[in-house]
């Protein structure tokens, strides 16, 4: 810790949930969902929001542009490859922000140089030209040598020096494949600070992937060595095994301020709400034993632990639940609760529901309360997610479902499905009740998508617990997710399946509109 610079103890939080996080297969978010998450990140105090990859698609460009227009405090950043077309497109999207940033990158390791067919000198020239082009458009430019941790040290120093001379204000050192270890991560930052001219005039950042489970440790080690920006995502969402998790690095610095005397501007009380919302819109459930935000993070099973916590909570808890937004209040919710109580409870959980949404959730809440002895916080959160995923104008809507199952097959499903407003009925069979239901949906709405994931988890405990079902479909190289919750697992399964199909239908509609616009423009 003694090697860390003393003059600057503020660590910038760069959130890339909407860019790197959304690259997780199946985690694609809608335009409105991206704007919502960006607003929550901005409100939380995230310094820089990497809102997307503007040249990737018209949808990504539109989302980055709208996020830039709506941002109140955060720097809004877009990603661009090392070419003028990418950089120009990125600038067109982020220039609407009060504080815009262009982030451009190129792979510098031997493996990546081979892909680009550039030798070391050719790559140096390209870095100089593209970074200078970005700086001519924007005075806030970030540059990344992709796969930096597998780049030769001498060459890494050269390319970083080139980018600084060309105008980069932030240099990010990515561990693109999660290859490095904490000591190496720290040594790399120290080396660059010592060897690269001008290194003391810019901000070094770290972007760590979690392939070997060391992303958070690698990021914190880089900070100890002098990095002052951490790139991270909510819930650690990201390519392959994911990224450094925002909640982990922020709480680690807060809890261990004695040995990591750094500050961030993050409002930690908003962490849990944002974690749950990202989980809902991405379709990626947070594992129960996930650090900080997992369902079991503040639960105690062992009798010894329980006894200790009852006597002094600090014996087995190093964080307070309220520090991340878990309330210690307890509004008991049941079938006699009214709208005012539900609104207050949802506000307590971090949800500001409009009148129409509150009405929808209240109807579902009453139906659930009639079926369950106790309605828990997680039950209510699942209801909000299910309401958000089941819009009244969806192309497909489940009207009625009756399932026959048991030891004697075949299992049977009678389904009434509204397709584009027209009700259709079918009686289908299958190998089990869920298979019968999915067969019924396919008969009423042939779609050609492949079922890649079907996952069931209980929201709360007990035989009357709600089940949350996640479904992931793929077609033509695109992935679509759906999620739903119900005390009837089969009903939740059908609704999740239909929600994924609605996303696929909406995506196809956007693609057709884009094609028509392109054709008209041509």
Protein backbone atom coordinates (compact mmCIF):
# COMPACT_ATOMS: atom_id res chain seq x y z
CA UNK A 1 0.00 0.00 0.00
CA UNK A 2 2.92 2.37 0.54
CA UNK A 3 3.51 2.56 -3.24
CA UNK A 4 0.13 4.14 -3.96
CA UNK A 5 0.23 7.88 -4.79
CA UNK A 6 -0.80 10.00 -1.84
CA UNK A 7 -1.91 13.14 -3.69
CA UNK A 8 -4.93 11.58 -5.34
CA UNK A 9 -7.18 9.24 -3.38
CA UNK A 10 -10.38 9.49 -5.44
CA UNK A 11 -11.10 6.47 -7.64
CA UNK A 12 -13.33 7.00 -10.66
CA UNK A 13 -16.01 4.39 -11.30
CA UNK A 14 -16.48 3.59 -14.99
CA UNK A 15 -19.56 1.40 -15.48
CA UNK A 16 -19.79 -0.65 -18.67
CA UNK A 17 -22.92 -2.67 -17.89
CA UNK A 18 -24.64 -1.23 -20.96
CA UNK A 19 -21.71 -2.08 -23.26
CA UNK A 20 -19.58 -4.99 -22.02
CA UNK A 21 -22.34 -6.29 -19.75
CA UNK A 22 -24.85 -6.39 -22.58
CA UNK A 23 -22.39 -8.46 -24.63
CA UNK A 24 -23.18 -11.44 -22.39
CA UNK A 25 -25.07 -13.89 -24.62
CA UNK A 26 -28.76 -13.35 -23.88
CA UNK A 27 -28.35 -10.14 -21.89
CA UNK A 28 -29.60 -7.81 -24.62
CA UNK A 29 -31.70 -4.96 -23.20
CA UNK A 30 -34.42 -2.94 -24.88
CA UNK A 31 -34.00 0.76 -25.62
CA UNK A 32 -36.18 1.80 -22.69
CA UNK A 33 -34.40 -0.61 -20.34
CA UNK A 34 -31.02 0.86 -21.29
CA UNK A 35 -32.27 4.38 -20.61
CA UNK A 36 -33.67 3.28 -17.26
CA UNK A 37 -30.43 1.58 -16.15
CA UNK A 38 -28.37 4.58 -17.32
CA UNK A 39 -30.60 6.88 -15.27
CA UNK A 40 -30.10 4.72 -12.18
CA UNK A 41 -26.32 4.67 -12.71
CA UNK A 42 -26.28 8.44 -13.12
CA UNK A 43 -28.34 8.85 -9.96
CA UNK A 44 -26.07 6.46 -8.06
CA UNK A 45 -23.02 8.64 -8.73
CA UNK A 46 -21.17 6.61 -11.38
CA UNK A 47 -18.46 8.87 -12.82
CA UNK A 48 -18.44 7.48 -16.37
CA UNK A 49 -21.14 5.41 -18.07
CA UNK A 50 -20.03 3.49 -21.15
CA UNK A 51 -23.42 3.55 -22.82
CA UNK A 52 -22.71 1.31 -25.80
CA UNK A 53 -20.91 0.68 -29.09
CA UNK A 54 -22.59 3.21 -31.41
CA UNK A 55 -21.45 1.73 -34.73
CA UNK A 56 -22.62 -1.78 -33.77
CA UNK A 57 -26.25 -1.14 -34.72
CA UNK A 58 -28.84 1.56 -35.22
CA UNK A 59 -30.38 0.53 -31.90
CA UNK A 60 -27.10 0.94 -30.05
CA UNK A 61 -26.52 4.34 -31.65
CA UNK A 62 -30.02 5.53 -30.68
CA UNK A 63 -29.60 4.29 -27.09
CA UNK A 64 -26.21 6.00 -26.62
CA UNK A 65 -27.58 9.23 -28.12
CA UNK A 66 -30.62 9.29 -25.85
CA UNK A 67 -28.57 8.38 -22.78
CA UNK A 68 -26.20 11.24 -23.63
CA UNK A 69 -29.08 13.69 -23.92
CA UNK A 70 -30.62 12.60 -20.61
CA UNK A 71 -27.50 12.34 -18.44
CA UNK A 72 -27.40 14.79 -15.55
CA UNK A 73 -24.05 14.15 -13.90
CA UNK A 74 -22.09 11.28 -15.43
CA UNK A 75 -19.63 11.41 -18.30
CA UNK A 76 -21.21 9.48 -21.20
CA UNK A 77 -18.80 7.33 -23.14
CA UNK A 78 -19.08 5.34 -26.36
CA UNK A 79 -16.76 2.63 -27.65
CA UNK A 80 -15.03 2.76 -31.04
CA UNK A 81 -12.51 0.59 -32.83
CA UNK A 82 -9.32 2.15 -34.13
CA UNK A 83 -10.72 3.55 -37.36
CA UNK A 84 -12.14 6.92 -38.36
CA UNK A 85 -15.64 5.61 -39.22
CA UNK A 86 -16.11 4.09 -35.74
CA UNK A 87 -14.77 7.19 -34.02
CA UNK A 88 -16.95 9.56 -36.06
CA UNK A 89 -20.06 7.47 -35.35
CA UNK A 90 -19.20 7.37 -31.64
CA UNK A 91 -18.83 11.14 -31.52
CA UNK A 92 -22.18 11.65 -33.26
CA UNK A 93 -23.80 9.66 -30.45
CA UNK A 94 -22.01 11.02 -27.37
CA UNK A 95 -21.70 14.67 -28.43
CA UNK A 96 -25.17 15.36 -27.00
CA UNK A 97 -23.89 14.75 -23.47
CA UNK A 98 -22.88 17.54 -21.15
CA UNK A 99 -19.67 15.55 -20.57
CA UNK A 100 -18.90 13.28 -23.54
CA UNK A 101 -16.03 10.79 -23.92
CA UNK A 102 -14.73 8.72 -26.84
CA UNK A 103 -13.17 5.37 -25.94
CA UNK A 104 -11.13 3.81 -28.75
CA UNK A 105 -9.10 0.61 -28.65
CA UNK A 106 -6.93 -1.81 -30.59
CA UNK A 107 -5.49 -5.24 -29.70
CA UNK A 108 -1.76 -4.92 -29.02
CA UNK A 109 -0.68 -8.43 -27.97
CA UNK A 110 1.11 -10.65 -30.54
CA UNK A 111 -2.08 -12.67 -30.98
CA UNK A 112 -4.13 -9.58 -31.79
CA UNK A 113 -1.46 -8.00 -34.00
CA UNK A 114 -1.59 -11.14 -36.13
CA UNK A 115 -5.35 -10.70 -36.56
CA UNK A 116 -4.99 -7.11 -37.75
CA UNK A 117 -2.03 -8.01 -40.02
CA UNK A 118 -0.10 -5.03 -38.62
CA UNK A 119 3.51 -5.09 -37.53
CA UNK A 120 4.59 -3.11 -34.49
CA UNK A 121 5.42 0.05 -36.44
CA UNK A 122 2.22 -0.09 -38.47
CA UNK A 123 0.18 -0.37 -35.30
CA UNK A 124 2.03 2.57 -33.71
CA UNK A 125 1.10 4.73 -36.72
CA UNK A 126 -2.53 3.63 -36.54
CA UNK A 127 -2.77 4.39 -32.81
CA UNK A 128 -1.29 7.85 -33.29
CA UNK A 129 -3.66 8.69 -36.16
CA UNK A 130 -6.88 7.38 -34.59
CA UNK A 131 -6.30 8.81 -31.11
CA UNK A 132 -5.45 12.19 -32.61
CA UNK A 133 -8.62 12.04 -34.72
CA UNK A 134 -10.70 11.29 -31.61
CA UNK A 135 -9.02 14.14 -29.69
CA UNK A 136 -9.82 16.57 -32.50
CA UNK A 137 -13.49 15.76 -31.95
CA UNK A 138 -13.56 15.48 -28.15
CA UNK A 139 -11.28 16.70 -25.38
CA UNK A 140 -11.98 13.59 -23.28
CA UNK A 141 -10.44 10.55 -24.98
CA UNK A 142 -9.81 7.14 -23.49
CA UNK A 143 -7.56 4.62 -25.19
CA UNK A 144 -7.18 0.89 -24.50
CA UNK A 145 -4.52 -1.59 -25.67
CA UNK A 146 -6.76 -4.67 -25.79
CA UNK A 147 -5.11 -7.77 -24.25
CA UNK A 148 -2.60 -5.50 -22.53
CA UNK A 149 -1.67 -8.12 -19.95
CA UNK A 150 -0.33 -10.39 -22.71
CA UNK A 151 1.46 -7.60 -24.59
CA UNK A 152 5.28 -7.42 -24.43
CA UNK A 153 6.19 -4.85 -21.75
CA UNK A 154 8.52 -2.82 -23.94
CA UNK A 155 5.94 -2.60 -26.68
CA UNK A 156 3.16 -1.81 -24.22
CA UNK A 157 5.18 1.16 -22.97
CA UNK A 158 5.65 2.36 -26.57
CA UNK A 159 1.97 2.19 -27.50
CA UNK A 160 0.87 3.87 -24.27
CA UNK A 161 3.39 6.68 -24.86
CA UNK A 162 2.09 7.04 -28.43
CA UNK A 163 -1.53 7.32 -27.26
CA UNK A 164 -0.63 9.92 -24.62
CA UNK A 165 1.28 12.02 -27.13
CA UNK A 166 -1.68 11.80 -29.55
CA UNK A 167 -4.03 13.24 -26.92
CA UNK A 168 -5.46 10.43 -24.82
CA UNK A 169 -6.48 11.65 -21.36
CA UNK A 170 -7.23 8.21 -19.89
CA UNK A 171 -5.25 5.04 -20.58
CA UNK A 172 -7.09 1.84 -19.76
CA UNK A 173 -5.09 -1.36 -19.24
CA UNK A 174 -7.45 -4.28 -19.93
CA UNK A 175 -6.99 -7.82 -18.75
CA UNK A 176 -9.18 -8.84 -21.67
CA UNK A 177 -9.16 -12.59 -21.05
CA UNK A 178 -8.91 -12.64 -17.25
CA UNK A 179 -5.37 -13.98 -17.46
CA UNK A 180 -3.44 -11.96 -14.91
CA UNK A 181 -3.03 -12.19 -11.14
CA UNK A 182 -3.12 -9.35 -8.57
CA UNK A 183 0.66 -8.96 -8.21
CA UNK A 184 1.06 -8.78 -12.01
CA UNK A 185 -1.80 -6.30 -12.27
CA UNK A 186 -0.13 -3.98 -9.77
CA UNK A 187 3.34 -4.40 -11.27
CA UNK A 188 2.05 -3.50 -14.74
CA UNK A 189 0.60 -0.18 -13.56
CA UNK A 190 3.75 0.65 -11.59
CA UNK A 191 5.91 -0.11 -14.63
CA UNK A 192 3.89 2.17 -16.89
CA UNK A 193 3.93 5.01 -14.37
CA UNK A 194 7.69 4.70 -14.02
CA UNK A 195 8.69 4.15 -17.64
CA UNK A 196 6.23 6.07 -19.85
CA UNK A 197 6.85 9.81 -20.38
CA UNK A 198 3.74 11.81 -19.49
CA UNK A 199 2.18 8.96 -17.51
CA UNK A 200 1.83 11.20 -14.46
CA UNK A 201 -0.36 13.62 -16.44
CA UNK A 202 -3.14 11.15 -17.35
CA UNK A 203 -5.46 8.74 -15.52
CA UNK A 204 -4.70 5.03 -15.66
CA UNK A 205 -7.69 2.71 -15.64
CA UNK A 206 -8.09 -1.03 -15.19
CA UNK A 207 -10.59 -3.34 -16.89
CA UNK A 208 -10.47 -6.89 -15.54
CA UNK A 209 -12.35 -9.99 -16.63
CA UNK A 210 -13.19 -12.77 -14.22
CA UNK A 211 -12.18 -15.91 -16.13
CA UNK A 212 -10.01 -17.11 -13.24
CA UNK A 213 -12.13 -15.49 -10.51
CA UNK A 214 -9.65 -12.68 -9.80
CA UNK A 215 -11.23 -9.64 -11.48
CA UNK A 216 -12.02 -7.70 -8.31
CA UNK A 217 -8.66 -8.54 -6.72
CA UNK A 218 -6.83 -7.51 -9.91
CA UNK A 219 -8.71 -4.19 -10.08
CA UNK A 220 -7.98 -3.31 -6.45
CA UNK A 221 -4.32 -4.28 -6.86
CA UNK A 222 -4.09 -1.91 -9.84
CA UNK A 223 -5.56 0.88 -7.71
CA UNK A 224 -2.97 0.21 -5.00
CA UNK A 225 -0.28 0.68 -7.65
CA UNK A 226 -1.68 3.99 -8.91
CA UNK A 227 -4.62 3.33 -11.24
CA UNK A 228 -7.42 5.78 -10.53
CA UNK A 229 -10.28 4.42 -12.62
CA UNK A 230 -11.94 1.02 -12.28
CA UNK A 231 -14.03 -0.34 -15.14
CA UNK A 232 -16.77 -2.58 -13.84
CA UNK A 233 -20.36 -3.74 -14.26
CA UNK A 234 -23.37 -4.27 -12.03
CA UNK A 235 -23.44 -7.90 -10.83
CA UNK A 236 -20.15 -8.47 -12.69
CA UNK A 237 -22.13 -8.97 -15.90
CA UNK A 238 -20.00 -9.33 -19.02
CA UNK A 239 -18.29 -11.52 -21.60
CA UNK A 240 -17.70 -15.16 -20.60
CA UNK A 241 -17.25 -15.25 -16.78
CA UNK A 242 -17.94 -11.52 -16.51
CA UNK A 243 -16.14 -8.44 -15.24
CA UNK A 244 -15.11 -6.78 -12.04
CA UNK A 245 -18.36 -6.19 -10.13
CA UNK A 246 -19.08 -2.58 -9.19
CA UNK A 247 -20.65 -3.55 -5.89
CA UNK A 248 -17.60 -5.59 -4.88
CA UNK A 249 -14.91 -2.95 -5.48
CA UNK A 250 -16.97 -0.11 -4.01
CA UNK A 251 -17.84 -2.02 -0.84
CA UNK A 252 -14.31 -3.44 -0.52
CA UNK A 253 -12.89 0.09 -0.47
CA UNK A 254 -15.56 1.18 1.99
CA UNK A 255 -15.19 -1.75 4.39
CA UNK A 256 -11.37 -1.85 4.23
CA UNK A 257 -10.72 1.89 4.18
CA UNK A 258 -8.02 1.23 6.77
CA UNK A 259 -5.77 -0.37 4.15
CA UNK A 260 -7.40 1.07 1.00
CA UNK A 261 -7.85 4.77 1.81
CA UNK A 262 -9.71 5.66 -1.38
CA UNK A 263 -13.05 7.31 -1.99
CA UNK A 264 -15.69 7.09 -4.69
CA UNK A 265 -18.80 9.17 -5.28
CA UNK A 266 -21.08 6.12 -5.27
CA UNK A 267 -24.29 6.18 -3.23
CA UNK A 268 -24.04 2.61 -1.95
CA UNK A 269 -27.64 2.56 -0.68
CA UNK A 270 -28.76 2.24 -4.31
CA UNK A 271 -26.67 -0.85 -5.02
CA UNK A 272 -29.23 -3.54 -4.21
CA UNK A 273 -32.03 -1.93 -6.19
CA UNK A 274 -29.80 -1.51 -9.24
CA UNK A 275 -28.49 -5.06 -8.90
CA UNK A 276 -32.00 -6.47 -8.89
CA UNK A 277 -33.12 -4.30 -11.79
CA UNK A 278 -30.15 -5.27 -13.97
CA UNK A 279 -30.85 -8.91 -13.16
CA UNK A 280 -34.45 -8.49 -14.27
CA UNK A 281 -33.83 -6.69 -17.56
CA UNK A 282 -30.82 -8.81 -18.55
CA UNK A 283 -32.44 -12.12 -17.63
CA UNK A 284 -29.35 -13.13 -15.65
CA UNK A 285 -30.27 -14.18 -12.12
CA UNK A 286 -27.78 -13.26 -9.39
CA UNK A 287 -26.32 -16.37 -7.80
CA UNK A 288 -27.40 -16.80 -4.20
CA UNK A 289 -23.84 -16.70 -2.82
CA UNK A 290 -22.75 -13.70 -4.92
CA UNK A 291 -20.65 -11.27 -2.90
CA UNK A 292 -22.52 -8.23 -1.52
CA UNK A 293 -25.76 -8.60 -3.53
CA UNK A 294 -26.49 -12.35 -3.43
CA UNK A 295 -29.63 -13.55 -1.69
CA UNK A 296 -27.54 -15.33 0.96
CA UNK A 297 -25.07 -12.47 1.52
CA UNK A 298 -26.75 -11.56 4.84
CA UNK A 299 -28.30 -14.92 5.78
CA UNK A 300 -26.97 -17.26 8.43
CA UNK A 301 -27.66 -21.00 8.55
CA UNK A 302 -25.14 -22.23 11.13
CA UNK A 303 -26.35 -22.24 14.71
CA UNK A 304 -23.05 -20.81 15.87
CA UNK A 305 -23.36 -17.97 13.34
CA UNK A 306 -26.98 -17.32 14.25
CA UNK A 307 -26.16 -17.15 17.96
CA UNK A 308 -23.28 -14.77 17.31
CA UNK A 309 -25.33 -12.45 15.09
CA UNK A 310 -28.15 -12.30 17.64
CA UNK A 311 -25.67 -11.21 20.30
CA UNK A 312 -23.64 -8.86 18.10
CA UNK A 313 -24.27 -8.60 14.36
CA UNK A 314 -20.65 -7.65 13.71
CA UNK A 315 -19.45 -11.09 14.73
CA UNK A 316 -20.38 -12.47 11.31
CA UNK A 317 -21.28 -9.45 9.18
CA UNK A 318 -18.72 -6.96 7.89
CA UNK A 319 -21.33 -4.77 6.14
CA UNK A 320 -24.67 -3.44 7.26
CA UNK A 321 -27.57 -4.46 5.00
CA UNK A 322 -28.81 -0.87 4.95
CA UNK A 323 -25.45 0.26 3.49
CA UNK A 324 -26.41 -1.32 0.16
CA UNK A 325 -30.10 -0.47 0.34
CA UNK A 326 -31.54 -3.48 2.16
CA UNK A 327 -34.08 -1.95 4.50
CA UNK A 328 -34.37 -2.83 8.14
CA UNK A 329 -37.99 -1.64 8.15
CA UNK A 330 -40.74 -4.21 8.04
CA UNK A 331 -44.13 -3.38 6.55
CA UNK A 332 -45.96 -6.69 6.75
CA UNK A 333 -47.72 -7.32 3.45
CA UNK A 334 -50.76 -9.58 3.19
CA UNK A 335 -54.19 -9.90 1.63
CA UNK A 336 -55.57 -7.08 3.80
CA UNK A 337 -52.91 -4.57 2.71
CA UNK A 338 -54.06 -1.66 0.58
CA UNK A 339 -52.59 0.34 -2.28
CA UNK A 340 -51.00 2.90 0.05
CA UNK A 341 -49.14 0.18 1.94
CA UNK A 342 -48.02 -1.42 -1.32
CA UNK A 343 -46.79 1.91 -2.69
CA UNK A 344 -44.88 2.60 0.54
CA UNK A 345 -43.37 -0.88 0.54
CA UNK A 346 -42.29 -0.63 -3.09
CA UNK A 347 -40.76 2.80 -2.43
CA UNK A 348 -38.90 1.25 0.49
CA UNK A 349 -37.55 -1.38 -1.92
CA UNK A 350 -36.45 1.31 -4.36
CA UNK A 351 -39.35 1.23 -6.86
CA UNK A 352 -41.15 4.45 -7.74
CA UNK A 353 -44.25 3.05 -9.44
CA UNK A 354 -46.52 5.16 -11.61
CA UNK A 355 -50.27 4.92 -11.03
CA UNK A 356 -50.87 2.48 -13.89
CA UNK A 357 -47.98 0.23 -12.93
CA UNK A 358 -49.02 0.31 -9.27
CA UNK A 359 -52.51 -0.73 -10.32
CA UNK A 360 -51.16 -3.71 -12.28
CA UNK A 361 -48.83 -4.77 -9.48
CA UNK A 362 -51.58 -4.39 -6.90
CA UNK A 363 -53.89 -6.73 -8.80
CA UNK A 364 -51.13 -9.34 -9.02
CA UNK A 365 -50.21 -8.77 -5.37
CA UNK A 366 -53.78 -9.40 -4.19
CA UNK A 367 -53.97 -12.59 -6.25
CA UNK A 368 -50.65 -13.73 -4.81
CA UNK A 369 -51.63 -12.84 -1.23
CA UNK A 370 -54.72 -15.04 -1.55
CA UNK A 371 -52.47 -17.98 -2.43
CA UNK A 372 -49.55 -17.43 -0.03
CA UNK A 373 -49.34 -17.24 3.74
CA UNK A 374 -46.63 -14.58 3.60
CA UNK A 375 -45.61 -12.17 0.86
CA UNK A 376 -41.90 -11.39 1.07
CA UNK A 377 -39.89 -8.52 -0.38
CA UNK A 378 -38.51 -10.77 -3.10
CA UNK A 379 -42.05 -11.79 -4.03
CA UNK A 380 -42.94 -8.15 -4.62
CA UNK A 381 -39.80 -7.54 -6.66
CA UNK A 382 -40.66 -10.54 -8.82
CA UNK A 383 -44.15 -9.13 -9.37
CA UNK A 384 -42.69 -5.85 -10.64
CA UNK A 385 -40.39 -7.73 -13.01
CA UNK A 386 -43.27 -9.84 -14.30
CA UNK A 387 -45.44 -6.77 -14.84
CA UNK A 388 -42.64 -4.98 -16.70
CA UNK A 389 -42.07 -8.00 -18.94
CA UNK A 390 -45.76 -8.46 -19.77
CA UNK A 391 -46.95 -5.31 -21.48
CA UNK A 392 -50.57 -4.96 -22.51
CA UNK A 393 -49.59 -4.33 -26.13
CA UNK A 394 -47.45 -7.46 -26.51
CA UNK A 395 -47.92 -9.42 -29.73
CA UNK A 396 -48.47 -12.63 -27.74
CA UNK A 397 -50.54 -12.79 -24.56
CA UNK A 398 -51.47 -15.83 -22.48
CA UNK A 399 -55.24 -15.92 -21.96
CA UNK A 400 -55.98 -19.35 -20.47
CA UNK A 401 -53.95 -22.42 -19.61
CA UNK A 402 -55.05 -25.82 -18.40
CA UNK A 403 -52.51 -28.61 -17.87
CA UNK A 404 -53.03 -32.32 -17.23
CA UNK A 405 -50.03 -34.20 -15.81
CA UNK A 406 -49.21 -37.15 -13.61
CA UNK A 407 -47.75 -40.64 -13.72
CA UNK A 408 -49.81 -41.61 -16.76
CA UNK A 409 -48.91 -39.77 -19.93
CA UNK A 410 -48.90 -38.18 -22.28
CA UNK A 411 -49.07 -34.86 -20.46
CA UNK A 412 -51.49 -32.40 -22.01
CA UNK A 413 -51.82 -28.61 -22.28
CA UNK A 414 -54.90 -26.65 -23.38
CA UNK A 415 -53.75 -23.14 -24.24
CA UNK A 416 -55.57 -20.02 -25.38
CA UNK A 417 -53.09 -17.50 -26.75
CA UNK A 418 -53.79 -14.06 -28.18
CA UNK A 419 -51.66 -13.60 -31.29
CA UNK A 420 -51.75 -10.03 -32.55
CA UNK A 421 -55.05 -9.53 -30.73
CA UNK A 422 -56.69 -12.68 -32.19
CA UNK A 423 -57.39 -15.47 -29.70
CA UNK A 424 -56.29 -18.95 -30.77
CA UNK A 425 -56.76 -22.28 -28.98
CA UNK A 426 -54.88 -25.56 -29.15
CA UNK A 427 -54.69 -28.86 -27.25
CA UNK A 428 -51.13 -30.22 -27.29
CA UNK A 429 -49.22 -33.07 -25.65
CA UNK A 430 -45.61 -33.44 -24.64
CA UNK A 431 -43.02 -35.19 -22.53
CA UNK A 432 -44.01 -33.48 -19.29
CA UNK A 433 -46.27 -30.50 -18.59
CA UNK A 434 -43.77 -27.81 -19.57
CA UNK A 435 -42.91 -29.56 -22.83
CA UNK A 436 -46.62 -29.87 -23.60
CA UNK A 437 -47.11 -26.15 -22.95
CA UNK A 438 -44.16 -25.12 -25.11
CA UNK A 439 -45.43 -27.40 -27.89
CA UNK A 440 -48.80 -25.65 -27.65
CA UNK A 441 -47.16 -22.24 -28.00
CA UNK A 442 -45.20 -23.43 -31.04
CA UNK A 443 -48.36 -24.75 -32.66
CA UNK A 444 -50.13 -21.42 -32.24
CA UNK A 445 -47.07 -19.31 -33.07
CA UNK A 446 -44.48 -21.17 -35.21
CA UNK A 447 -41.19 -19.37 -34.72
CA UNK A 448 -38.16 -21.56 -35.47
CA UNK A 449 -36.26 -20.40 -32.36
CA UNK A 450 -34.11 -22.79 -30.37
CA UNK A 451 -34.58 -23.14 -26.60
CA UNK A 452 -31.08 -22.63 -25.17
CA UNK A 453 -31.95 -22.22 -21.49
CA UNK A 454 -34.84 -23.11 -19.21
CA UNK A 455 -34.15 -22.28 -15.57
CA UNK A 456 -36.41 -22.37 -12.52
CA UNK A 457 -35.62 -20.85 -9.13
CA UNK A 458 -37.76 -20.25 -6.07
CA UNK A 459 -38.14 -16.57 -5.17
CA UNK A 460 -38.88 -17.32 -1.54
CA UNK A 461 -39.18 -20.36 0.71
CA UNK A 462 -42.05 -22.79 1.22
CA UNK A 463 -44.32 -24.94 -0.92
CA UNK A 464 -46.37 -21.85 -1.81
CA UNK A 465 -43.29 -19.95 -2.99
CA UNK A 466 -43.27 -18.08 -6.26
CA UNK A 467 -41.11 -19.64 -8.94
CA UNK A 468 -39.11 -17.40 -11.23
CA UNK A 469 -38.53 -18.96 -14.63
CA UNK A 470 -35.91 -17.71 -17.08
CA UNK A 471 -36.00 -18.72 -20.74
CA UNK A 472 -33.38 -18.04 -23.39
CA UNK A 473 -34.12 -18.50 -27.10
CA UNK A 474 -31.88 -18.09 -30.14
CA UNK A 475 -32.62 -17.60 -33.81
CA UNK A 476 -30.46 -16.41 -36.71
CA UNK A 477 -27.55 -15.64 -34.39
CA UNK A 478 -29.62 -13.47 -32.04
CA UNK A 479 -30.55 -14.28 -28.45
CA UNK A 480 -33.80 -13.39 -26.68
CA UNK A 481 -34.59 -13.79 -22.99
CA UNK A 482 -37.81 -13.90 -21.02
CA UNK A 483 -38.58 -14.09 -17.32
CA UNK A 484 -41.74 -14.51 -15.28
CA UNK A 485 -42.82 -15.38 -11.76
CA UNK A 486 -45.85 -17.25 -10.44
CA UNK A 487 -46.73 -19.66 -7.64
CA UNK A 488 -47.59 -22.08 -10.46
CA UNK A 489 -44.28 -23.08 -12.03
CA UNK A 490 -45.90 -24.19 -15.28
CA UNK A 491 -47.74 -20.87 -15.67
CA UNK A 492 -44.50 -18.99 -14.99
CA UNK A 493 -42.77 -21.18 -17.59
CA UNK A 494 -45.28 -20.39 -20.32
CA UNK A 495 -45.25 -16.67 -19.55
CA UNK A 496 -41.42 -16.56 -19.59
CA UNK A 497 -41.41 -18.42 -22.93
CA UNK A 498 -43.98 -16.03 -24.37
CA UNK A 499 -42.07 -13.00 -23.03
CA UNK A 500 -38.95 -14.17 -24.88
CA UNK A 501 -40.99 -14.63 -28.07
CA UNK A 502 -42.41 -11.12 -27.67
CA UNK A 503 -38.87 -9.75 -27.51
CA UNK A 504 -38.00 -11.74 -30.62
CA UNK A 505 -41.08 -10.41 -32.42
CA UNK A 506 -40.28 -6.82 -31.39
CA UNK A 507 -36.66 -7.23 -32.48
CA UNK A 508 -37.73 -8.54 -35.87
CA UNK A 509 -40.05 -5.55 -36.25
CA UNK A 510 -37.19 -3.15 -35.52
CA UNK A 511 -34.94 -4.97 -37.99
CA UNK A 512 -37.59 -4.74 -40.73
CA UNK A 513 -38.10 -1.01 -40.08
CA UNK A 514 -34.34 -0.43 -40.22
CA UNK A 515 -34.12 -2.33 -43.52
CA UNK A 516 -36.95 -0.25 -44.97
CA UNK A 517 -35.29 2.98 -43.86
CA UNK A 518 -31.96 1.89 -45.34
CA UNK A 519 -33.68 0.94 -48.60
CA UNK A 520 -35.48 4.28 -48.72
CA UNK A 521 -32.27 6.17 -48.02
CA UNK A 522 -30.51 4.27 -50.83
